[in-house]
C-alpha atoms as a PDB file:
ATOM      1  CA  UNK A   1     145.093 132.707 129.871  1.00  0.00           C
ATOM      2  CA  UNK A   2     143.806 129.422 131.271  1.00  0.00           C
ATOM      3  CA  UNK A   3     144.935 128.197 134.671  1.00  0.00           C
ATOM      4  CA  UNK A   4     146.449 124.746 135.105  1.00  0.00           C
ATOM      5  CA  UNK A   5     146.207 122.853 138.409  1.00  0.00           C
ATOM      6  CA  UNK A   6     148.500 119.920 139.145  1.00  0.00           C
ATOM      7  CA  UNK A   7     147.882 117.815 142.304  1.00  0.00           C
ATOM      8  CA  UNK A   8     150.857 117.893 144.636  1.00  0.00           C
ATOM      9  CA  UNK A   9     152.637 120.588 142.619  1.00  0.00           C
ATOM     10  CA  UNK A  10     152.125 123.487 145.008  1.00  0.00           C
ATOM     11  CA  UNK A  11     155.845 123.989 145.454  1.00  0.00           C
ATOM     12  CA  UNK A  12     156.630 123.659 141.765  1.00  0.00           C
ATOM     13  CA  UNK A  13     157.075 126.475 139.297  1.00  0.00           C
ATOM     14  CA  UNK A  14     154.892 126.299 136.213  1.00  0.00           C
ATOM     15  CA  UNK A  15     155.659 128.438 133.161  1.00  0.00           C
ATOM     16  CA  UNK A  16     153.210 128.898 130.334  1.00  0.00           C
ATOM     17  CA  UNK A  17     154.106 130.977 127.300  1.00  0.00           C
ATOM     18  CA  UNK A  18     151.353 132.378 125.164  1.00  0.00           C
ATOM     19  CA  UNK A  19     151.771 134.253 121.896  1.00  0.00           C
ATOM     20  CA  UNK A  20     149.393 137.109 121.128  1.00  0.00           C
ATOM     21  CA  UNK A  21     149.184 140.021 118.745  1.00  0.00           C
ATOM     22  CA  UNK A  22     150.515 142.216 121.532  1.00  0.00           C
ATOM     23  CA  UNK A  23     153.643 140.129 121.945  1.00  0.00           C
ATOM     24  CA  UNK A  24     154.526 137.274 124.217  1.00  0.00           C
ATOM     25  CA  UNK A  25     153.260 136.919 127.762  1.00  0.00           C
ATOM     26  CA  UNK A  26     155.100 134.782 130.251  1.00  0.00           C
ATOM     27  CA  UNK A  27     153.019 133.717 133.232  1.00  0.00           C
ATOM     28  CA  UNK A  28     154.704 132.008 136.127  1.00  0.00           C
ATOM     29  CA  UNK A  29     152.697 130.114 138.742  1.00  0.00           C
ATOM     30  CA  UNK A  30     154.659 130.245 141.976  1.00  0.00           C
ATOM     31  CA  UNK A  31     153.937 128.847 145.434  1.00  0.00           C
ATOM     32  CA  UNK A  32     153.310 132.400 146.600  1.00  0.00           C
ATOM     33  CA  UNK A  33     150.881 133.193 143.776  1.00  0.00           C
ATOM     34  CA  UNK A  34     151.176 134.593 140.253  1.00  0.00           C
ATOM     35  CA  UNK A  35     153.679 137.008 138.781  1.00  0.00           C
ATOM     36  CA  UNK A  36     153.631 138.261 135.231  1.00  0.00           C
ATOM     37  CA  UNK A  37     156.359 139.251 132.785  1.00  0.00           C
ATOM     38  CA  UNK A  38     154.990 140.599 129.535  1.00  0.00           C
ATOM     39  CA  UNK A  39     157.074 141.289 126.468  1.00  0.00           C
ATOM     40  CA  UNK A  40     155.894 143.482 123.623  1.00  0.00           C
ATOM     41  CA  UNK A  41     156.788 142.980 120.003  1.00  0.00           C
ATOM     42  CA  UNK A  42     159.153 145.945 120.166  1.00  0.00           C
ATOM     43  CA  UNK A  43     161.222 144.293 122.894  1.00  0.00           C
ATOM     44  CA  UNK A  44     161.230 140.809 121.411  1.00  0.00           C
ATOM     45  CA  UNK A  45     164.221 139.649 119.321  1.00  0.00           C
ATOM     46  CA  UNK A  46     162.129 139.955 116.166  1.00  0.00           C
ATOM     47  CA  UNK A  47     160.797 143.411 117.018  1.00  0.00           C
ATOM     48  CA  UNK A  48     161.647 146.375 114.803  1.00  0.00           C
ATOM     49  CA  UNK A  49     162.705 149.751 116.269  1.00  0.00           C
ATOM     50  CA  UNK A  50     160.008 152.400 116.515  1.00  0.00           C
ATOM     51  CA  UNK A  51     160.623 155.433 114.293  1.00  0.00           C
ATOM     52  CA  UNK A  52     160.444 158.859 115.946  1.00  0.00           C
ATOM     53  CA  UNK A  53     160.369 162.074 113.918  1.00  0.00           C
ATOM     54  CA  UNK A  54     161.013 164.927 116.302  1.00  0.00           C
ATOM     55  CA  UNK A  55     162.773 168.131 117.301  1.00  0.00           C
ATOM     56  CA  UNK A  56     164.101 169.520 120.567  1.00  0.00           C
ATOM     57  CA  UNK A  57     160.858 171.102 121.771  1.00  0.00           C
ATOM     58  CA  UNK A  58     158.653 170.391 124.803  1.00  0.00           C
ATOM     59  CA  UNK A  59     156.254 168.325 122.694  1.00  0.00           C
ATOM     60  CA  UNK A  60     159.135 166.403 121.199  1.00  0.00           C
ATOM     61  CA  UNK A  61     160.804 165.802 124.541  1.00  0.00           C
ATOM     62  CA  UNK A  62     157.728 164.388 126.264  1.00  0.00           C
ATOM     63  CA  UNK A  63     157.727 161.512 123.752  1.00  0.00           C
ATOM     64  CA  UNK A  64     161.485 160.918 123.813  1.00  0.00           C
ATOM     65  CA  UNK A  65     161.362 160.857 127.621  1.00  0.00           C
ATOM     66  CA  UNK A  66     158.739 158.110 127.534  1.00  0.00           C
ATOM     67  CA  UNK A  67     160.665 156.165 124.914  1.00  0.00           C
ATOM     68  CA  UNK A  68     163.758 156.357 127.115  1.00  0.00           C
ATOM     69  CA  UNK A  69     161.728 155.133 130.096  1.00  0.00           C
ATOM     70  CA  UNK A  70     160.481 152.189 128.005  1.00  0.00           C
ATOM     71  CA  UNK A  71     164.003 151.542 126.777  1.00  0.00           C
ATOM     72  CA  UNK A  72     165.300 151.416 130.351  1.00  0.00           C
ATOM     73  CA  UNK A  73     162.413 149.291 131.640  1.00  0.00           C
ATOM     74  CA  UNK A  74     161.841 146.869 128.761  1.00  0.00           C
ATOM     75  CA  UNK A  75     164.746 147.282 126.366  1.00  0.00           C
ATOM     76  CA  UNK A  76     162.556 148.940 123.720  1.00  0.00           C
ATOM     77  CA  UNK A  77     164.501 150.311 120.767  1.00  0.00           C
ATOM     78  CA  UNK A  78     163.744 153.312 118.592  1.00  0.00           C
ATOM     79  CA  UNK A  79     165.375 155.360 115.870  1.00  0.00           C
ATOM     80  CA  UNK A  80     165.381 159.147 115.844  1.00  0.00           C
ATOM     81  CA  UNK A  81     164.859 161.248 112.725  1.00  0.00           C
ATOM     82  CA  UNK A  82     165.597 164.921 113.543  1.00  0.00           C
ATOM     83  CA  UNK A  83     163.227 167.403 111.922  1.00  0.00           C
ATOM     84  CA  UNK A  84     164.419 170.969 111.296  1.00  0.00           C
ATOM     85  CA  UNK A  85     161.247 172.918 111.989  1.00  0.00           C
ATOM     86  CA  UNK A  86     163.015 176.224 111.252  1.00  0.00           C
ATOM     87  CA  UNK A  87     163.206 175.306 107.568  1.00  0.00           C
ATOM     88  CA  UNK A  88     159.670 173.939 107.325  1.00  0.00           C
ATOM     89  CA  UNK A  89     160.615 170.288 106.919  1.00  0.00           C
ATOM     90  CA  UNK A  90     157.471 169.369 108.832  1.00  0.00           C
ATOM     91  CA  UNK A  91     155.375 170.904 106.035  1.00  0.00           C
ATOM     92  CA  UNK A  92     156.869 168.792 103.270  1.00  0.00           C
ATOM     93  CA  UNK A  93     154.584 166.190 101.623  1.00  0.00           C
ATOM     94  CA  UNK A  94     156.482 163.187 102.974  1.00  0.00           C
ATOM     95  CA  UNK A  95     156.057 164.441 106.545  1.00  0.00           C
ATOM     96  CA  UNK A  96     152.418 165.386 106.035  1.00  0.00           C
ATOM     97  CA  UNK A  97     151.853 161.729 105.166  1.00  0.00           C
ATOM     98  CA  UNK A  98     152.909 160.988 108.764  1.00  0.00           C
ATOM     99  CA  UNK A  99     151.105 163.903 110.380  1.00  0.00           C
ATOM    100  CA  UNK A 100     148.626 165.853 108.236  1.00  0.00           C
ATOM    101  CA  UNK A 101     148.820 168.703 110.764  1.00  0.00           C
ATOM    102  CA  UNK A 102     152.485 169.271 109.933  1.00  0.00           C
ATOM    103  CA  UNK A 103     153.761 169.282 113.509  1.00  0.00           C
ATOM    104  CA  UNK A 104     156.311 167.270 115.414  1.00  0.00           C
ATOM    105  CA  UNK A 105     156.498 164.721 116.911  1.00  0.00           C
ATOM    106  CA  UNK A 106     155.283 161.850 114.775  1.00  0.00           C
ATOM    107  CA  UNK A 107     155.770 158.150 115.437  1.00  0.00           C
ATOM    108  CA  UNK A 108     155.719 155.187 113.087  1.00  0.00           C
ATOM    109  CA  UNK A 109     155.378 151.725 114.595  1.00  0.00           C
ATOM    110  CA  UNK A 110     156.716 149.187 112.064  1.00  0.00           C
ATOM    111  CA  UNK A 111     155.507 146.299 114.213  1.00  0.00           C
ATOM    112  CA  UNK A 112     151.846 147.031 113.487  1.00  0.00           C
ATOM    113  CA  UNK A 113     150.363 146.831 110.005  1.00  0.00           C
ATOM    114  CA  UNK A 114     152.014 146.089 106.699  1.00  0.00           C
ATOM    115  CA  UNK A 115     153.051 149.729 106.239  1.00  0.00           C
ATOM    116  CA  UNK A 116     153.574 150.515 109.905  1.00  0.00           C
ATOM    117  CA  UNK A 117     151.117 152.391 112.114  1.00  0.00           C
ATOM    118  CA  UNK A 118     151.391 156.195 112.229  1.00  0.00           C
ATOM    119  CA  UNK A 119     150.623 158.220 115.357  1.00  0.00           C
ATOM    120  CA  UNK A 120     150.647 161.996 115.719  1.00  0.00           C
ATOM    121  CA  UNK A 121     149.879 164.473 118.532  1.00  0.00           C
ATOM    122  CA  UNK A 122     152.289 164.127 121.435  1.00  0.00           C
ATOM    123  CA  UNK A 123     149.742 163.124 124.086  1.00  0.00           C
ATOM    124  CA  UNK A 124     148.182 160.597 121.699  1.00  0.00           C
ATOM    125  CA  UNK A 125     151.649 159.107 121.162  1.00  0.00           C
ATOM    126  CA  UNK A 126     152.127 158.781 124.928  1.00  0.00           C
ATOM    127  CA  UNK A 127     148.815 156.961 125.258  1.00  0.00           C
ATOM    128  CA  UNK A 128     149.609 154.724 122.285  1.00  0.00           C
ATOM    129  CA  UNK A 129     152.967 153.732 123.742  1.00  0.00           C
ATOM    130  CA  UNK A 130     151.377 153.097 127.126  1.00  0.00           C
ATOM    131  CA  UNK A 131     148.690 150.909 125.526  1.00  0.00           C
ATOM    132  CA  UNK A 132     151.008 148.755 123.443  1.00  0.00           C
ATOM    133  CA  UNK A 133     154.444 148.854 125.058  1.00  0.00           C
ATOM    134  CA  UNK A 134     154.106 149.559 128.773  1.00  0.00           C
ATOM    135  CA  UNK A 135     152.970 145.991 129.276  1.00  0.00           C
ATOM    136  CA  UNK A 136     153.568 145.936 133.033  1.00  0.00           C
ATOM    137  CA  UNK A 137     151.752 149.253 133.615  1.00  0.00           C
ATOM    138  CA  UNK A 138     154.815 150.935 135.066  1.00  0.00           C
ATOM    139  CA  UNK A 139     154.019 154.374 133.625  1.00  0.00           C
ATOM    140  CA  UNK A 140     150.244 154.334 133.181  1.00  0.00           C
ATOM    141  CA  UNK A 141     147.345 152.960 135.190  1.00  0.00           C
ATOM    142  CA  UNK A 142     145.259 149.998 134.137  1.00  0.00           C
ATOM    143  CA  UNK A 143     141.839 151.351 133.102  1.00  0.00           C
ATOM    144  CA  UNK A 144     140.188 148.068 134.111  1.00  0.00           C
ATOM    145  CA  UNK A 145     141.676 147.552 137.557  1.00  0.00           C
ATOM    146  CA  UNK A 146     142.368 151.202 138.476  1.00  0.00           C
ATOM    147  CA  UNK A 147     139.746 153.197 136.567  1.00  0.00           C
ATOM    148  CA  UNK A 148     139.803 156.213 138.895  1.00  0.00           C
ATOM    149  CA  UNK A 149     143.581 156.562 138.666  1.00  0.00           C
ATOM    150  CA  UNK A 150     143.371 156.115 134.882  1.00  0.00           C
ATOM    151  CA  UNK A 151     140.791 158.905 134.686  1.00  0.00           C
ATOM    152  CA  UNK A 152     142.886 161.209 136.863  1.00  0.00           C
ATOM    153  CA  UNK A 153     145.889 160.568 134.661  1.00  0.00           C
ATOM    154  CA  UNK A 154     143.871 161.475 131.559  1.00  0.00           C
ATOM    155  CA  UNK A 155     142.556 164.627 133.215  1.00  0.00           C
ATOM    156  CA  UNK A 156     146.059 165.906 133.940  1.00  0.00           C
ATOM    157  CA  UNK A 157     147.274 164.930 130.488  1.00  0.00           C
ATOM    158  CA  UNK A 158     144.444 166.938 128.935  1.00  0.00           C
ATOM    159  CA  UNK A 159     145.040 169.799 131.374  1.00  0.00           C
ATOM    160  CA  UNK A 160     148.547 170.150 130.013  1.00  0.00           C
ATOM    161  CA  UNK A 161     147.626 169.436 126.409  1.00  0.00           C
ATOM    162  CA  UNK A 162     144.813 171.987 126.365  1.00  0.00           C
ATOM    163  CA  UNK A 163     146.221 174.502 128.848  1.00  0.00           C
ATOM    164  CA  UNK A 164     149.898 174.710 129.696  1.00  0.00           C
ATOM    165  CA  UNK A 165     151.165 173.744 126.247  1.00  0.00           C
ATOM    166  CA  UNK A 166     149.085 176.204 124.203  1.00  0.00           C
ATOM    167  CA  UNK A 167     149.350 179.076 126.702  1.00  0.00           C
ATOM    168  CA  UNK A 168     153.073 178.740 127.352  1.00  0.00           C
ATOM    169  CA  UNK A 169     153.625 178.158 123.657  1.00  0.00           C
ATOM    170  CA  UNK A 170     151.954 181.465 122.870  1.00  0.00           C
ATOM    171  CA  UNK A 171     153.974 183.156 125.610  1.00  0.00           C
ATOM    172  CA  UNK A 172     157.120 181.760 124.011  1.00  0.00           C
ATOM    173  CA  UNK A 173     156.054 183.168 120.657  1.00  0.00           C
ATOM    174  CA  UNK A 174     155.229 186.692 121.791  1.00  0.00           C
ATOM    175  CA  UNK A 175     158.228 186.965 124.106  1.00  0.00           C
ATOM    176  CA  UNK A 176     160.783 185.420 121.734  1.00  0.00           C
ATOM    177  CA  UNK A 177     159.635 185.410 118.131  1.00  0.00           C
ATOM    178  CA  UNK A 178     156.898 187.965 117.403  1.00  0.00           C
ATOM    179  CA  UNK A 179     158.046 190.491 114.764  1.00  0.00           C
ATOM    180  CA  UNK A 180     156.656 193.326 116.860  1.00  0.00           C
ATOM    181  CA  UNK A 181     156.406 193.949 120.592  1.00  0.00           C
ATOM    182  CA  UNK A 182     152.815 193.471 121.764  1.00  0.00           C
ATOM    183  CA  UNK A 183     152.738 194.028 125.552  1.00  0.00           C
ATOM    184  CA  UNK A 184     149.093 192.935 125.866  1.00  0.00           C
ATOM    185  CA  UNK A 185     149.772 189.568 124.237  1.00  0.00           C
ATOM    186  CA  UNK A 186     152.886 188.933 126.311  1.00  0.00           C
ATOM    187  CA  UNK A 187     151.080 189.793 129.550  1.00  0.00           C
ATOM    188  CA  UNK A 188     148.001 187.754 128.671  1.00  0.00           C
ATOM    189  CA  UNK A 189     149.854 184.540 127.928  1.00  0.00           C
ATOM    190  CA  UNK A 190     152.402 184.910 130.699  1.00  0.00           C
ATOM    191  CA  UNK A 191     149.646 185.560 133.236  1.00  0.00           C
ATOM    192  CA  UNK A 192     147.699 182.527 132.045  1.00  0.00           C
ATOM    193  CA  UNK A 193     150.799 180.339 132.154  1.00  0.00           C
ATOM    194  CA  UNK A 194     151.439 181.453 135.726  1.00  0.00           C
ATOM    195  CA  UNK A 195     147.819 180.757 136.649  1.00  0.00           C
ATOM    196  CA  UNK A 196     148.152 177.227 135.295  1.00  0.00           C
ATOM    197  CA  UNK A 197     151.352 176.759 137.304  1.00  0.00           C
ATOM    198  CA  UNK A 198     149.259 177.709 140.316  1.00  0.00           C
ATOM    199  CA  UNK A 199     146.791 174.937 139.513  1.00  0.00           C
ATOM    200  CA  UNK A 200     149.691 172.473 139.323  1.00  0.00           C
ATOM    201  CA  UNK A 201     151.010 173.787 142.609  1.00  0.00           C
ATOM    202  CA  UNK A 202     147.699 173.119 144.336  1.00  0.00           C
ATOM    203  CA  UNK A 203     147.575 169.623 142.906  1.00  0.00           C
ATOM    204  CA  UNK A 204     151.115 168.809 143.995  1.00  0.00           C
ATOM    205  CA  UNK A 205     150.639 170.007 147.563  1.00  0.00           C
ATOM    206  CA  UNK A 206     151.244 166.884 149.660  1.00  0.00           C
ATOM    207  CA  UNK A 207     151.907 164.834 146.527  1.00  0.00           C
ATOM    208  CA  UNK A 208     154.936 163.674 144.566  1.00  0.00           C
ATOM    209  CA  UNK A 209     153.182 163.067 141.225  1.00  0.00           C
ATOM    210  CA  UNK A 210     150.119 164.297 139.385  1.00  0.00           C
ATOM    211  CA  UNK A 211     148.024 161.115 139.313  1.00  0.00           C
ATOM    212  CA  UNK A 212     147.500 158.116 141.564  1.00  0.00           C
ATOM    213  CA  UNK A 213     146.537 157.397 145.136  1.00  0.00           C
ATOM    214  CA  UNK A 214     147.987 159.220 148.117  1.00  0.00           C
ATOM    215  CA  UNK A 215     151.256 160.836 147.001  1.00  0.00           C
ATOM    216  CA  UNK A 216     150.705 159.572 143.467  1.00  0.00           C
ATOM    217  CA  UNK A 217     152.806 157.536 141.079  1.00  0.00           C
ATOM    218  CA  UNK A 218     155.097 158.718 138.299  1.00  0.00           C
ATOM    219  CA  UNK A 219     153.218 158.412 135.023  1.00  0.00           C
ATOM    220  CA  UNK A 220     152.837 159.761 131.528  1.00  0.00           C
ATOM    221  CA  UNK A 221     150.839 162.629 133.053  1.00  0.00           C
ATOM    222  CA  UNK A 222     154.102 163.877 134.584  1.00  0.00           C
ATOM    223  CA  UNK A 223     156.086 163.252 131.396  1.00  0.00           C
ATOM    224  CA  UNK A 224     153.493 165.226 129.453  1.00  0.00           C
ATOM    225  CA  UNK A 225     153.826 168.345 131.609  1.00  0.00           C
ATOM    226  CA  UNK A 226     157.481 168.281 132.653  1.00  0.00           C
ATOM    227  CA  UNK A 227     159.110 169.518 129.411  1.00  0.00           C
ATOM    228  CA  UNK A 228     156.865 172.561 129.295  1.00  0.00           C
ATOM    229  CA  UNK A 229     157.211 173.595 132.914  1.00  0.00           C
ATOM    230  CA  UNK A 230     160.934 172.861 133.087  1.00  0.00           C
ATOM    231  CA  UNK A 231     161.348 175.295 130.183  1.00  0.00           C
ATOM    232  CA  UNK A 232     159.728 178.159 132.080  1.00  0.00           C
ATOM    233  CA  UNK A 233     162.742 180.415 131.622  1.00  0.00           C
ATOM    234  CA  UNK A 234     162.289 180.522 127.845  1.00  0.00           C
ATOM    235  CA  UNK A 235     159.104 182.559 128.175  1.00  0.00           C
ATOM    236  CA  UNK A 236     160.517 184.853 130.843  1.00  0.00           C
ATOM    237  CA  UNK A 237     159.469 183.105 134.073  1.00  0.00           C
ATOM    238  CA  UNK A 238     162.879 183.173 135.702  1.00  0.00           C
ATOM    239  CA  UNK A 239     162.143 181.088 138.790  1.00  0.00           C
ATOM    240  CA  UNK A 240     159.588 178.643 140.162  1.00  0.00           C
ATOM    241  CA  UNK A 241     159.938 179.936 143.718  1.00  0.00           C
ATOM    242  CA  UNK A 242     156.342 181.190 143.611  1.00  0.00           C
ATOM    243  CA  UNK A 243     155.202 177.573 143.161  1.00  0.00           C
ATOM    244  CA  UNK A 244     157.308 175.508 145.599  1.00  0.00           C
ATOM    245  CA  UNK A 245     155.458 172.222 145.027  1.00  0.00           C
ATOM    246  CA  UNK A 246     155.924 172.573 141.274  1.00  0.00           C
ATOM    247  CA  UNK A 247     159.594 173.384 141.792  1.00  0.00           C
ATOM    248  CA  UNK A 248     160.098 170.257 143.911  1.00  0.00           C
ATOM    249  CA  UNK A 249     158.248 168.164 141.321  1.00  0.00           C
ATOM    250  CA  UNK A 250     160.453 169.482 138.534  1.00  0.00           C
ATOM    251  CA  UNK A 251     163.589 168.696 140.527  1.00  0.00           C
ATOM    252  CA  UNK A 252     162.290 165.226 141.394  1.00  0.00           C
ATOM    253  CA  UNK A 253     161.442 164.417 137.785  1.00  0.00           C
ATOM    254  CA  UNK A 254     164.719 165.775 136.441  1.00  0.00           C
ATOM    255  CA  UNK A 255     166.664 163.293 138.577  1.00  0.00           C
ATOM    256  CA  UNK A 256     165.403 160.352 136.520  1.00  0.00           C
ATOM    257  CA  UNK A 257     168.066 159.041 134.081  1.00  0.00           C
ATOM    258  CA  UNK A 258     165.479 158.484 131.341  1.00  0.00           C
ATOM    259  CA  UNK A 259     164.285 162.073 131.678  1.00  0.00           C
ATOM    260  CA  UNK A 260     167.847 163.322 131.368  1.00  0.00           C
ATOM    261  CA  UNK A 261     168.399 161.155 128.294  1.00  0.00           C
ATOM    262  CA  UNK A 262     165.064 162.033 126.706  1.00  0.00           C
ATOM    263  CA  UNK A 263     165.621 165.754 126.929  1.00  0.00           C
ATOM    264  CA  UNK A 264     168.829 165.358 124.907  1.00  0.00           C
ATOM    265  CA  UNK A 265     166.918 163.952 121.900  1.00  0.00           C
ATOM    266  CA  UNK A 266     167.408 164.576 119.039  1.00  0.00           C
END
C-alpha cells in the first residue's frame, strides 16, 4: 500500500481502505506510527461461512479449535457437517470428492473459486486458515518477518503430524478396537507415544508454548498437538505426571474458551 504524506498533518488520522483478493485492509496512519486492521472475506459482511466436515476426533478437534479461535478474534463464521465415521460416511463418493483419502476433517471455502476451494489433511487445513484468515498473525508467525519462528512452528506441526498422531492413533486402535489382543503392538505404540511425550516435555521446559521466542507464543503448533495429548487416557496413559511440562501445557491450553468450544464440535 502506498504511503501518503500531508504537510502539517502529523497529528491527524489518515485512513486508507484498499480492496484485495484477500479481503479488505484498513491502514490507519496515526501520530504514533502505523497500526493495521485487516479483514478477510470470511469476516466481511459479504463473506460466506466456511464449511467444515468433521467428527469428534483429535484431527477433527484441532481444526474446530482453530476455527473457534478465528471466530473469537475476527468474527469468522463456519458451518459444521457431522460425519459418522463408524458407518463409513467418509468413504462415500460425495465425501471422496472433498477428500480423496476418505478421512475427516475436510474444509470447503466458498469464498475462493467458483465452486469453493477444498482442503484436506488437518495440518494443511490449519496452515490454509492461517494463510487466508489469520490476517493479523495472531496464531501463526509471519514467514517474511519472523522466518525462524515460522520454521519452528512448522517443525512442531510436522512432529505431531508425523509422530504423535500416527503413533497414538495406532495405540488407540490396538488398545481399544483391535479384534484380538496383541501385546507386542500395544506395547510398541504406547512406548513410542510416551517417548514422543518426552520430546514434548523437553521442548516445554522453561516454555509456555511450542514455537516462538523465549517462552513462546500460542500458535497452530499447539492447536495441532493438544487434542492428541489431551486424549492420552483413551490409549491407556492414565496421567501426565511423568511429563510435568506437558501437563502444565495441557492445562494452560485447556483454559482457552475457544479450545473449550472447539472440542465440543460437532
